[in-house]
């Protein structure tokens, strides 16, 4: 299998197949956990690699990476090319939950969470305009699990970094999923203390 091919099918690249609207869908398989879909096919695959959801794999047409959430008091999320020992990017959350994703090559992307009513966030361009916006949705029927099952991804048509578009969409999806899981754990812990 070569980069951009997973489970026997080729993934689409945002460079070759530009899109402005994509959708994260939870797959029925384990792995992958989620697929980033467009009208042309699959643009990325996102898989959790551990039970704590601190380690994940992202596969796109451009390559395969791992994400790792580290720390409690001063948490960061690292991004590495799969199999590499050097962080190619590090996400540092700010006190107000927003954050900054810094790549070794100097590229920087600000992350901004949406208001509490909306579950999601966006990577912003240097002028503060959303480049990639993600909106998460919980299960919609009685058969659905209580967790996040899908999300919409809106890409700015003038996205200057199409090469990293699917990777950024997957990184943002990880931040949303991780935040949702931690929030559920906090509610469960508070409920058990009250009992």
N, C-alpha and C. Protein backbone atom coordinates (compact mmCIF):
# COMPACT_ATOMS: atom_id res chain seq x y z
N UNK A 1 0.84 -1.18 0.00
CA UNK A 1 0.00 0.00 0.00
C UNK A 1 0.88 1.24 0.00
N UNK A 2 0.57 2.20 -0.81
CA UNK A 2 1.35 3.43 -0.86
C UNK A 2 0.53 4.58 -0.28
N UNK A 3 1.17 5.74 0.06
CA UNK A 3 0.42 6.86 0.62
C UNK A 3 -0.75 7.21 -0.28
N UNK A 4 -1.86 7.49 0.34
CA UNK A 4 -3.05 7.85 -0.42
C UNK A 4 -3.92 6.66 -0.76
N UNK A 5 -3.44 5.45 -0.42
CA UNK A 5 -4.26 4.27 -0.65
C UNK A 5 -4.45 3.58 0.68
N UNK A 6 -5.70 3.25 0.98
CA UNK A 6 -5.97 2.57 2.23
C UNK A 6 -7.10 1.58 2.02
N UNK A 7 -6.95 0.41 2.56
CA UNK A 7 -7.92 -0.67 2.45
C UNK A 7 -8.35 -0.89 0.99
N UNK A 8 -7.36 -0.75 0.07
CA UNK A 8 -7.60 -1.11 -1.31
C UNK A 8 -8.21 -0.04 -2.19
N UNK A 9 -8.48 1.15 -1.69
CA UNK A 9 -9.00 2.19 -2.57
C UNK A 9 -8.18 3.46 -2.42
N UNK A 10 -8.09 4.19 -3.53
CA UNK A 10 -7.28 5.41 -3.55
C UNK A 10 -8.06 6.57 -2.96
N UNK A 11 -7.37 7.37 -2.16
CA UNK A 11 -8.00 8.56 -1.59
C UNK A 11 -7.81 9.74 -2.53
N UNK A 12 -8.73 10.66 -2.45
CA UNK A 12 -8.69 11.87 -3.26
C UNK A 12 -7.82 12.91 -2.59
N UNK A 13 -7.21 13.75 -3.38
CA UNK A 13 -6.40 14.85 -2.88
C UNK A 13 -7.15 16.16 -3.13
N UNK A 14 -7.14 17.06 -2.16
CA UNK A 14 -7.77 18.37 -2.35
C UNK A 14 -7.02 19.20 -3.37
N UNK A 15 -5.76 18.84 -3.65
CA UNK A 15 -4.99 19.55 -4.67
C UNK A 15 -5.53 19.19 -6.05
N UNK A 16 -5.77 17.90 -6.28
CA UNK A 16 -6.24 17.43 -7.58
C UNK A 16 -7.75 17.49 -7.72
N UNK A 17 -8.48 17.38 -6.63
CA UNK A 17 -9.95 17.37 -6.64
C UNK A 17 -10.45 18.40 -5.62
N UNK A 18 -10.32 19.69 -5.92
CA UNK A 18 -10.74 20.71 -4.95
C UNK A 18 -12.21 20.55 -4.57
N UNK A 19 -12.49 20.79 -3.31
CA UNK A 19 -13.86 20.72 -2.80
C UNK A 19 -14.03 21.83 -1.78
N UNK A 20 -15.26 22.29 -1.61
CA UNK A 20 -15.54 23.30 -0.59
C UNK A 20 -16.42 22.74 0.52
N UNK A 21 -16.96 21.55 0.30
CA UNK A 21 -17.82 20.95 1.30
C UNK A 21 -17.53 19.45 1.39
N UNK A 22 -17.18 19.00 2.59
CA UNK A 22 -16.90 17.59 2.84
C UNK A 22 -17.67 17.17 4.09
N UNK A 23 -17.67 15.88 4.37
CA UNK A 23 -18.41 15.38 5.53
C UNK A 23 -17.62 14.26 6.20
N UNK A 24 -17.48 14.37 7.53
CA UNK A 24 -16.94 13.28 8.32
C UNK A 24 -18.08 12.33 8.64
N UNK A 25 -17.91 11.04 8.37
CA UNK A 25 -18.90 10.03 8.72
C UNK A 25 -18.23 8.90 9.48
N UNK A 26 -18.89 8.48 10.55
CA UNK A 26 -18.38 7.34 11.31
C UNK A 26 -18.63 6.09 10.48
N UNK A 27 -17.59 5.29 10.33
CA UNK A 27 -17.74 4.08 9.52
C UNK A 27 -18.30 2.96 10.38
N UNK A 28 -18.78 1.94 9.71
CA UNK A 28 -19.27 0.77 10.41
C UNK A 28 -18.16 -0.20 10.72
N UNK A 29 -16.94 0.14 10.35
CA UNK A 29 -15.79 -0.74 10.54
C UNK A 29 -14.90 -0.20 11.64
N UNK A 30 -14.13 -1.08 12.22
CA UNK A 30 -13.17 -0.65 13.22
C UNK A 30 -11.85 -1.35 12.94
N UNK A 31 -10.81 -0.68 12.51
CA UNK A 31 -10.78 0.66 11.95
C UNK A 31 -11.28 0.68 10.52
N UNK A 32 -11.51 1.79 9.84
CA UNK A 32 -11.32 3.14 10.34
C UNK A 32 -12.51 3.58 11.19
N UNK A 33 -12.31 4.59 11.98
CA UNK A 33 -13.38 5.12 12.80
C UNK A 33 -14.20 6.17 12.04
N UNK A 34 -13.53 7.00 11.23
CA UNK A 34 -14.21 8.06 10.48
C UNK A 34 -13.58 8.20 9.10
N UNK A 35 -14.42 8.57 8.12
CA UNK A 35 -13.95 8.85 6.77
C UNK A 35 -14.40 10.26 6.39
N UNK A 36 -13.52 11.02 5.75
CA UNK A 36 -13.83 12.35 5.25
C UNK A 36 -14.24 12.19 3.78
N UNK A 37 -15.52 12.41 3.52
CA UNK A 37 -16.09 12.13 2.20
C UNK A 37 -16.49 13.39 1.47
N UNK A 38 -16.32 13.35 0.15
CA UNK A 38 -16.80 14.37 -0.76
C UNK A 38 -17.51 13.68 -1.90
N UNK A 39 -18.00 14.44 -2.85
CA UNK A 39 -18.71 13.83 -3.97
C UNK A 39 -17.78 12.98 -4.83
N UNK A 40 -16.48 13.24 -4.78
CA UNK A 40 -15.50 12.49 -5.57
C UNK A 40 -14.97 11.25 -4.86
N UNK A 41 -15.27 11.06 -3.58
CA UNK A 41 -14.76 9.91 -2.85
C UNK A 41 -14.22 10.28 -1.49
N UNK A 42 -13.26 9.48 -1.00
CA UNK A 42 -12.70 9.63 0.34
C UNK A 42 -11.46 10.53 0.27
N UNK A 43 -11.41 11.54 1.15
CA UNK A 43 -10.28 12.47 1.21
C UNK A 43 -9.35 12.20 2.39
N UNK A 44 -9.87 11.55 3.43
CA UNK A 44 -9.04 11.24 4.60
C UNK A 44 -9.73 10.14 5.41
N UNK A 45 -8.92 9.42 6.17
CA UNK A 45 -9.42 8.42 7.10
C UNK A 45 -8.79 8.72 8.46
N UNK A 46 -9.63 8.69 9.50
CA UNK A 46 -9.20 9.01 10.86
C UNK A 46 -9.48 7.79 11.73
N UNK A 47 -8.47 7.32 12.47
CA UNK A 47 -8.61 6.13 13.31
C UNK A 47 -7.99 6.37 14.68
N UNK A 48 -8.74 6.08 15.74
CA UNK A 48 -8.15 6.08 17.08
C UNK A 48 -7.34 4.81 17.23
N UNK A 49 -6.18 4.91 17.87
CA UNK A 49 -5.29 3.76 18.01
C UNK A 49 -5.20 3.23 19.44
N UNK A 50 -5.85 3.91 20.40
CA UNK A 50 -5.83 3.43 21.77
C UNK A 50 -7.18 3.68 22.44
N UNK A 51 -7.41 2.97 23.52
CA UNK A 51 -8.70 3.06 24.23
C UNK A 51 -8.91 4.41 24.89
N UNK A 52 -7.83 5.12 25.22
CA UNK A 52 -7.95 6.43 25.87
C UNK A 52 -8.20 7.56 24.88
N UNK A 53 -8.11 7.24 23.59
CA UNK A 53 -8.31 8.23 22.51
C UNK A 53 -7.27 9.35 22.53
N UNK A 54 -6.08 9.04 23.01
CA UNK A 54 -4.99 10.02 23.00
C UNK A 54 -4.09 9.87 21.79
N UNK A 55 -4.18 8.73 21.10
CA UNK A 55 -3.35 8.46 19.94
C UNK A 55 -4.26 8.16 18.75
N UNK A 56 -3.97 8.78 17.61
CA UNK A 56 -4.80 8.58 16.41
C UNK A 56 -3.92 8.57 15.17
N UNK A 57 -4.47 7.98 14.10
CA UNK A 57 -3.79 7.97 12.80
C UNK A 57 -4.68 8.70 11.80
N UNK A 58 -4.03 9.51 10.96
CA UNK A 58 -4.69 10.21 9.87
C UNK A 58 -4.04 9.74 8.58
N UNK A 59 -4.84 9.32 7.61
CA UNK A 59 -4.33 8.96 6.29
C UNK A 59 -5.01 9.84 5.26
N UNK A 60 -4.22 10.45 4.38
CA UNK A 60 -4.73 11.26 3.28
C UNK A 60 -3.97 10.85 2.02
N UNK A 61 -4.32 11.44 0.89
CA UNK A 61 -3.59 11.17 -0.35
C UNK A 61 -2.14 11.61 -0.24
N UNK A 62 -1.87 12.56 0.66
CA UNK A 62 -0.52 13.10 0.81
C UNK A 62 0.36 12.31 1.77
N UNK A 63 -0.22 11.42 2.58
CA UNK A 63 0.59 10.66 3.51
C UNK A 63 -0.20 10.17 4.71
N UNK A 64 0.53 9.61 5.68
CA UNK A 64 -0.06 9.09 6.91
C UNK A 64 0.67 9.69 8.09
N UNK A 65 -0.11 10.13 9.09
CA UNK A 65 0.43 10.81 10.27
C UNK A 65 -0.18 10.22 11.53
N UNK A 66 0.49 10.47 12.64
CA UNK A 66 -0.08 10.14 13.94
C UNK A 66 -0.21 11.41 14.77
N UNK A 67 -1.27 11.44 15.56
CA UNK A 67 -1.52 12.52 16.52
C UNK A 67 -1.42 11.93 17.91
N UNK A 68 -0.88 12.70 18.84
CA UNK A 68 -0.78 12.22 20.22
C UNK A 68 -1.07 13.38 21.16
N UNK A 69 -2.03 13.17 22.06
CA UNK A 69 -2.36 14.15 23.10
C UNK A 69 -1.47 13.87 24.30
N UNK A 70 -0.72 14.87 24.74
CA UNK A 70 0.22 14.72 25.84
C UNK A 70 -0.07 15.74 26.94
N UNK A 71 0.07 15.33 28.18
CA UNK A 71 0.00 16.25 29.30
C UNK A 71 -1.40 16.51 29.80
N UNK A 72 -1.46 16.94 31.06
CA UNK A 72 -2.74 17.28 31.69
C UNK A 72 -2.76 18.75 32.06
N UNK A 73 -1.75 19.21 32.80
CA UNK A 73 -1.72 20.61 33.21
C UNK A 73 -1.34 21.54 32.06
N UNK A 74 -0.43 21.11 31.23
CA UNK A 74 0.00 21.90 30.08
C UNK A 74 -0.10 21.01 28.83
N UNK A 75 -1.34 20.70 28.39
CA UNK A 75 -1.50 19.72 27.32
C UNK A 75 -1.07 20.27 25.95
N UNK A 76 -0.60 19.37 25.11
CA UNK A 76 -0.28 19.67 23.72
C UNK A 76 -0.72 18.46 22.89
N UNK A 77 -0.86 18.67 21.60
CA UNK A 77 -1.11 17.58 20.66
C UNK A 77 0.00 17.65 19.63
N UNK A 78 0.69 16.52 19.45
CA UNK A 78 1.79 16.48 18.49
C UNK A 78 1.33 15.77 17.22
N UNK A 79 1.97 16.15 16.11
CA UNK A 79 1.71 15.56 14.81
C UNK A 79 3.03 15.07 14.24
N UNK A 80 3.07 13.80 13.83
CA UNK A 80 4.28 13.22 13.25
C UNK A 80 3.92 12.46 11.98
N UNK A 81 4.85 12.44 11.05
CA UNK A 81 4.73 11.51 9.93
C UNK A 81 4.79 10.12 10.54
N UNK A 82 3.92 9.22 10.12
CA UNK A 82 3.88 7.89 10.74
C UNK A 82 5.26 7.23 10.65
N UNK A 83 5.73 6.72 11.78
CA UNK A 83 7.02 6.06 11.86
C UNK A 83 8.18 6.99 12.16
N UNK A 84 7.95 8.30 12.10
CA UNK A 84 9.01 9.27 12.37
C UNK A 84 9.04 9.58 13.86
N UNK A 85 10.18 10.00 14.36
CA UNK A 85 10.31 10.33 15.78
C UNK A 85 10.32 11.83 16.03
N UNK A 86 10.23 12.64 14.97
CA UNK A 86 10.25 14.10 15.09
C UNK A 86 8.86 14.66 14.91
N UNK A 87 8.47 15.56 15.81
CA UNK A 87 7.18 16.24 15.65
C UNK A 87 7.27 17.22 14.50
N UNK A 88 6.38 17.08 13.53
CA UNK A 88 6.36 18.04 12.42
C UNK A 88 5.45 19.22 12.73
N UNK A 89 4.60 19.06 13.77
CA UNK A 89 3.75 20.16 14.22
C UNK A 89 3.33 19.90 15.66
N UNK A 90 3.03 20.98 16.37
CA UNK A 90 2.56 20.89 17.75
C UNK A 90 1.41 21.87 17.94
N UNK A 91 0.33 21.37 18.55
CA UNK A 91 -0.82 22.22 18.86
C UNK A 91 -0.75 22.59 20.33
N UNK A 92 -0.80 23.91 20.60
CA UNK A 92 -0.79 24.43 21.95
C UNK A 92 -2.13 25.10 22.23
N UNK A 93 -2.95 24.53 23.14
CA UNK A 93 -4.21 25.20 23.48
C UNK A 93 -3.96 26.43 24.34
N UNK A 94 -4.80 27.45 24.16
CA UNK A 94 -4.74 28.66 24.98
C UNK A 94 -5.67 28.51 26.17
N UNK A 95 -5.58 29.44 27.10
CA UNK A 95 -6.42 29.40 28.31
C UNK A 95 -7.90 29.44 27.98
N UNK A 96 -8.30 30.10 26.91
CA UNK A 96 -9.72 30.21 26.54
C UNK A 96 -10.13 29.11 25.57
N UNK A 97 -9.42 27.98 25.57
CA UNK A 97 -9.71 26.80 24.77
C UNK A 97 -9.29 26.92 23.32
N UNK A 98 -9.07 28.11 22.80
CA UNK A 98 -8.60 28.22 21.43
C UNK A 98 -7.16 27.72 21.41
N UNK A 99 -6.49 27.77 20.28
CA UNK A 99 -5.12 27.29 20.25
C UNK A 99 -4.40 27.63 18.96
N UNK A 100 -3.17 27.14 18.87
CA UNK A 100 -2.32 27.42 17.71
C UNK A 100 -1.59 26.15 17.32
N UNK A 101 -1.64 25.83 16.02
CA UNK A 101 -0.95 24.68 15.47
C UNK A 101 0.28 25.21 14.73
N UNK A 102 1.47 24.89 15.25
CA UNK A 102 2.73 25.37 14.69
C UNK A 102 3.47 24.22 14.01
N UNK A 103 3.77 24.40 12.70
CA UNK A 103 4.54 23.41 11.95
C UNK A 103 6.01 23.78 11.99
N UNK A 104 6.89 22.78 11.90
CA UNK A 104 8.33 23.02 11.90
C UNK A 104 8.77 23.89 10.73
N UNK A 105 8.05 23.84 9.61
CA UNK A 105 8.42 24.64 8.45
C UNK A 105 8.00 26.10 8.56
N UNK A 106 7.42 26.48 9.72
CA UNK A 106 7.04 27.86 9.95
C UNK A 106 5.57 28.17 9.74
N UNK A 107 4.82 27.27 9.12
CA UNK A 107 3.38 27.49 8.93
C UNK A 107 2.69 27.44 10.29
N UNK A 108 1.76 28.37 10.50
CA UNK A 108 1.02 28.45 11.76
C UNK A 108 -0.46 28.63 11.46
N UNK A 109 -1.29 27.91 12.20
CA UNK A 109 -2.73 27.98 12.01
C UNK A 109 -3.40 28.17 13.37
N UNK A 110 -4.19 29.22 13.50
CA UNK A 110 -4.95 29.46 14.72
C UNK A 110 -6.21 28.62 14.70
N UNK A 111 -6.55 28.01 15.85
CA UNK A 111 -7.78 27.23 16.01
C UNK A 111 -8.71 28.00 16.92
N UNK A 112 -9.95 28.14 16.51
CA UNK A 112 -10.95 28.85 17.32
C UNK A 112 -12.17 27.96 17.48
N UNK A 113 -12.54 27.73 18.75
CA UNK A 113 -13.75 26.97 19.04
C UNK A 113 -14.95 27.86 18.77
N UNK A 114 -16.06 27.26 18.31
CA UNK A 114 -17.30 28.00 18.13
C UNK A 114 -17.96 28.17 19.49
N UNK A 115 -19.00 28.97 19.53
CA UNK A 115 -19.74 29.19 20.78
C UNK A 115 -20.33 27.88 21.27
N UNK A 116 -20.69 27.84 22.53
CA UNK A 116 -21.19 26.62 23.17
C UNK A 116 -22.37 25.99 22.43
N UNK A 117 -23.22 26.78 21.78
CA UNK A 117 -24.38 26.24 21.09
C UNK A 117 -23.98 25.39 19.88
N UNK A 118 -22.84 25.66 19.30
CA UNK A 118 -22.36 24.91 18.15
C UNK A 118 -21.17 24.06 18.59
N UNK A 119 -21.21 22.79 18.23
CA UNK A 119 -20.10 21.91 18.53
C UNK A 119 -19.17 21.90 17.33
N UNK A 120 -18.04 22.60 17.44
CA UNK A 120 -17.11 22.66 16.33
C UNK A 120 -16.12 23.79 16.50
N UNK A 121 -15.35 24.00 15.44
CA UNK A 121 -14.33 25.04 15.45
C UNK A 121 -13.80 25.25 14.05
N UNK A 122 -12.80 26.13 13.95
CA UNK A 122 -12.24 26.46 12.64
C UNK A 122 -10.76 26.78 12.76
N UNK A 123 -10.02 26.43 11.71
CA UNK A 123 -8.66 26.93 11.53
C UNK A 123 -8.78 28.23 10.75
N UNK A 124 -8.10 29.27 11.23
CA UNK A 124 -8.22 30.60 10.66
C UNK A 124 -7.00 30.96 9.81
N UNK A 125 -7.24 31.82 8.81
CA UNK A 125 -6.11 32.34 8.03
C UNK A 125 -5.47 33.47 8.82
N UNK A 126 -4.33 34.02 8.37
CA UNK A 126 -3.65 35.08 9.14
C UNK A 126 -4.53 36.31 9.39
N UNK A 127 -5.55 36.54 8.57
CA UNK A 127 -6.45 37.67 8.77
C UNK A 127 -7.60 37.38 9.71
N UNK A 128 -7.68 36.14 10.24
CA UNK A 128 -8.74 35.77 11.17
C UNK A 128 -9.98 35.20 10.51
N UNK A 129 -9.94 34.95 9.21
CA UNK A 129 -11.08 34.40 8.47
C UNK A 129 -10.99 32.87 8.48
N UNK A 130 -12.13 32.17 8.71
CA UNK A 130 -12.09 30.70 8.71
C UNK A 130 -11.65 30.13 7.37
N UNK A 131 -10.63 29.27 7.40
CA UNK A 131 -10.18 28.55 6.20
C UNK A 131 -10.86 27.18 6.13
N UNK A 132 -10.92 26.52 7.29
CA UNK A 132 -11.53 25.20 7.39
C UNK A 132 -12.41 25.22 8.64
N UNK A 133 -13.72 25.06 8.44
CA UNK A 133 -14.68 25.06 9.56
C UNK A 133 -15.26 23.67 9.70
N UNK A 134 -15.37 23.21 10.95
CA UNK A 134 -15.92 21.89 11.24
C UNK A 134 -17.11 22.01 12.18
N UNK A 135 -18.21 21.34 11.84
CA UNK A 135 -19.43 21.35 12.64
C UNK A 135 -19.80 19.90 12.93
N UNK A 136 -19.75 19.50 14.20
CA UNK A 136 -20.01 18.11 14.59
C UNK A 136 -21.49 17.91 14.89
N UNK A 137 -21.95 16.67 14.65
CA UNK A 137 -23.34 16.31 14.90
C UNK A 137 -23.39 14.99 15.67
N UNK A 138 -24.25 14.96 16.67
CA UNK A 138 -24.46 13.73 17.43
C UNK A 138 -25.33 12.79 16.62
N UNK A 139 -25.46 11.52 17.07
CA UNK A 139 -26.34 10.55 16.42
C UNK A 139 -27.76 11.11 16.34
N UNK A 140 -28.47 10.79 15.26
CA UNK A 140 -29.76 11.41 15.01
C UNK A 140 -30.97 10.51 15.26
N UNK A 141 -30.79 9.23 15.50
CA UNK A 141 -31.96 8.40 15.73
C UNK A 141 -31.73 7.48 16.93
N UNK A 142 -32.75 6.69 17.29
CA UNK A 142 -32.67 5.86 18.49
C UNK A 142 -31.62 4.76 18.39
N UNK A 143 -31.26 4.35 17.17
CA UNK A 143 -30.24 3.32 17.00
C UNK A 143 -28.84 3.87 17.09
N UNK A 144 -28.68 5.19 17.05
CA UNK A 144 -27.36 5.81 17.04
C UNK A 144 -26.71 5.77 18.42
N UNK A 145 -25.41 5.69 18.41
CA UNK A 145 -24.66 5.80 19.66
C UNK A 145 -24.75 7.24 20.16
N UNK A 146 -24.42 7.45 21.41
CA UNK A 146 -24.54 8.80 21.97
C UNK A 146 -23.41 9.72 21.54
N UNK A 147 -22.35 9.18 20.96
CA UNK A 147 -21.20 10.00 20.60
C UNK A 147 -21.36 10.69 19.25
N UNK A 148 -20.32 11.38 18.87
CA UNK A 148 -20.32 12.06 17.58
C UNK A 148 -20.23 11.04 16.46
N UNK A 149 -21.09 11.19 15.47
CA UNK A 149 -21.10 10.25 14.36
C UNK A 149 -20.79 10.90 13.03
N UNK A 150 -20.96 12.21 12.94
CA UNK A 150 -20.69 12.87 11.68
C UNK A 150 -20.42 14.35 11.90
N UNK A 151 -19.85 14.95 10.88
CA UNK A 151 -19.57 16.38 10.95
C UNK A 151 -19.41 16.96 9.56
N UNK A 152 -19.77 18.20 9.42
CA UNK A 152 -19.62 18.91 8.15
C UNK A 152 -18.31 19.69 8.16
N UNK A 153 -17.67 19.74 7.01
CA UNK A 153 -16.42 20.48 6.85
C UNK A 153 -16.61 21.46 5.70
N UNK A 154 -16.45 22.73 6.00
CA UNK A 154 -16.52 23.78 4.97
C UNK A 154 -15.11 24.31 4.75
N UNK A 155 -14.68 24.31 3.48
CA UNK A 155 -13.36 24.79 3.12
C UNK A 155 -13.50 26.08 2.32
N UNK A 156 -12.73 27.08 2.69
CA UNK A 156 -12.72 28.33 1.94
C UNK A 156 -12.26 28.03 0.51
N UNK A 157 -13.02 28.47 -0.51
CA UNK A 157 -12.62 28.19 -1.90
C UNK A 157 -11.22 28.72 -2.23
N UNK A 158 -10.77 29.75 -1.53
CA UNK A 158 -9.45 30.33 -1.79
C UNK A 158 -8.38 29.72 -0.88
N UNK A 159 -8.66 28.54 -0.32
CA UNK A 159 -7.72 27.90 0.61
C UNK A 159 -6.34 27.81 -0.02
N UNK A 160 -5.40 28.52 0.58
CA UNK A 160 -4.04 28.60 0.04
C UNK A 160 -3.25 27.33 0.31
N UNK A 161 -3.64 26.58 1.32
CA UNK A 161 -2.86 25.41 1.72
C UNK A 161 -3.61 24.12 1.43
N UNK A 162 -4.06 23.94 0.18
CA UNK A 162 -4.81 22.74 -0.19
C UNK A 162 -4.03 21.46 0.10
N UNK A 163 -2.70 21.54 0.01
CA UNK A 163 -1.88 20.36 0.28
C UNK A 163 -2.11 19.86 1.70
N UNK A 164 -2.37 20.77 2.64
CA UNK A 164 -2.61 20.38 4.03
C UNK A 164 -4.08 20.43 4.40
N UNK A 165 -4.97 20.65 3.44
CA UNK A 165 -6.39 20.80 3.74
C UNK A 165 -7.00 19.61 4.44
N UNK A 166 -6.82 18.41 3.89
CA UNK A 166 -7.40 17.22 4.50
C UNK A 166 -6.75 16.94 5.85
N UNK A 167 -5.45 17.18 5.95
CA UNK A 167 -4.74 16.98 7.22
C UNK A 167 -5.29 17.93 8.29
N UNK A 168 -5.49 19.20 7.95
CA UNK A 168 -6.04 20.16 8.91
C UNK A 168 -7.48 19.80 9.28
N UNK A 169 -8.27 19.33 8.31
CA UNK A 169 -9.64 18.91 8.61
C UNK A 169 -9.63 17.74 9.58
N UNK A 170 -8.68 16.82 9.43
CA UNK A 170 -8.58 15.67 10.34
C UNK A 170 -8.07 16.11 11.71
N UNK A 171 -7.12 17.04 11.74
CA UNK A 171 -6.59 17.53 13.02
C UNK A 171 -7.71 18.22 13.80
N UNK A 172 -8.48 19.06 13.13
CA UNK A 172 -9.62 19.72 13.78
C UNK A 172 -10.65 18.72 14.28
N UNK A 173 -10.89 17.67 13.48
CA UNK A 173 -11.85 16.63 13.87
C UNK A 173 -11.36 15.93 15.14
N UNK A 174 -10.06 15.68 15.24
CA UNK A 174 -9.49 15.08 16.45
C UNK A 174 -9.74 15.99 17.66
N UNK A 175 -9.49 17.29 17.50
CA UNK A 175 -9.72 18.21 18.62
C UNK A 175 -11.16 18.18 19.09
N UNK A 176 -12.09 18.13 18.15
CA UNK A 176 -13.52 18.10 18.49
C UNK A 176 -13.89 16.79 19.18
N UNK A 177 -13.45 15.66 18.62
CA UNK A 177 -13.76 14.36 19.22
C UNK A 177 -13.15 14.23 20.61
N UNK A 178 -11.89 14.63 20.76
CA UNK A 178 -11.21 14.53 22.05
C UNK A 178 -11.92 15.39 23.09
N UNK A 179 -12.29 16.62 22.71
CA UNK A 179 -12.99 17.52 23.62
C UNK A 179 -14.34 16.93 24.04
N UNK A 180 -15.07 16.36 23.08
CA UNK A 180 -16.37 15.75 23.39
C UNK A 180 -16.21 14.57 24.33
N UNK A 181 -15.20 13.73 24.11
CA UNK A 181 -14.97 12.58 24.98
C UNK A 181 -14.59 13.02 26.40
N UNK A 182 -13.75 14.03 26.51
CA UNK A 182 -13.35 14.52 27.84
C UNK A 182 -14.53 15.15 28.57
N UNK A 183 -15.40 15.83 27.83
CA UNK A 183 -16.58 16.43 28.45
C UNK A 183 -17.51 15.33 28.99
N UNK A 184 -17.70 14.26 28.23
CA UNK A 184 -18.53 13.14 28.69
C UNK A 184 -17.94 12.50 29.93
N UNK A 185 -16.61 12.34 29.95
CA UNK A 185 -15.95 11.75 31.12
C UNK A 185 -16.15 12.62 32.35
N UNK A 186 -16.08 13.94 32.18
CA UNK A 186 -16.27 14.85 33.31
C UNK A 186 -17.70 14.76 33.84
N UNK A 187 -18.68 14.68 32.95
CA UNK A 187 -20.08 14.56 33.36
C UNK A 187 -20.30 13.24 34.08
N UNK A 188 -19.72 12.15 33.55
CA UNK A 188 -19.86 10.84 34.19
C UNK A 188 -19.24 10.84 35.57
N UNK A 189 -18.07 11.46 35.72
CA UNK A 189 -17.40 11.51 37.02
C UNK A 189 -18.23 12.33 38.02
N UNK A 190 -18.78 13.44 37.57
CA UNK A 190 -19.60 14.27 38.45
C UNK A 190 -20.87 13.54 38.86
N UNK A 191 -21.48 12.82 37.94
CA UNK A 191 -22.69 12.06 38.24
C UNK A 191 -22.40 10.97 39.24
N UNK A 192 -21.28 10.28 39.09
CA UNK A 192 -20.96 9.19 40.03
C UNK A 192 -20.66 9.74 41.43
N UNK A 193 -20.09 10.94 41.52
CA UNK A 193 -19.85 11.55 42.82
C UNK A 193 -21.15 11.92 43.51
N UNK A 194 -22.15 12.30 42.74
CA UNK A 194 -23.44 12.67 43.32
C UNK A 194 -24.22 11.46 43.82
N UNK A 195 -23.95 10.29 43.21
CA UNK A 195 -24.65 9.08 43.62
C UNK A 195 -24.04 8.57 44.88
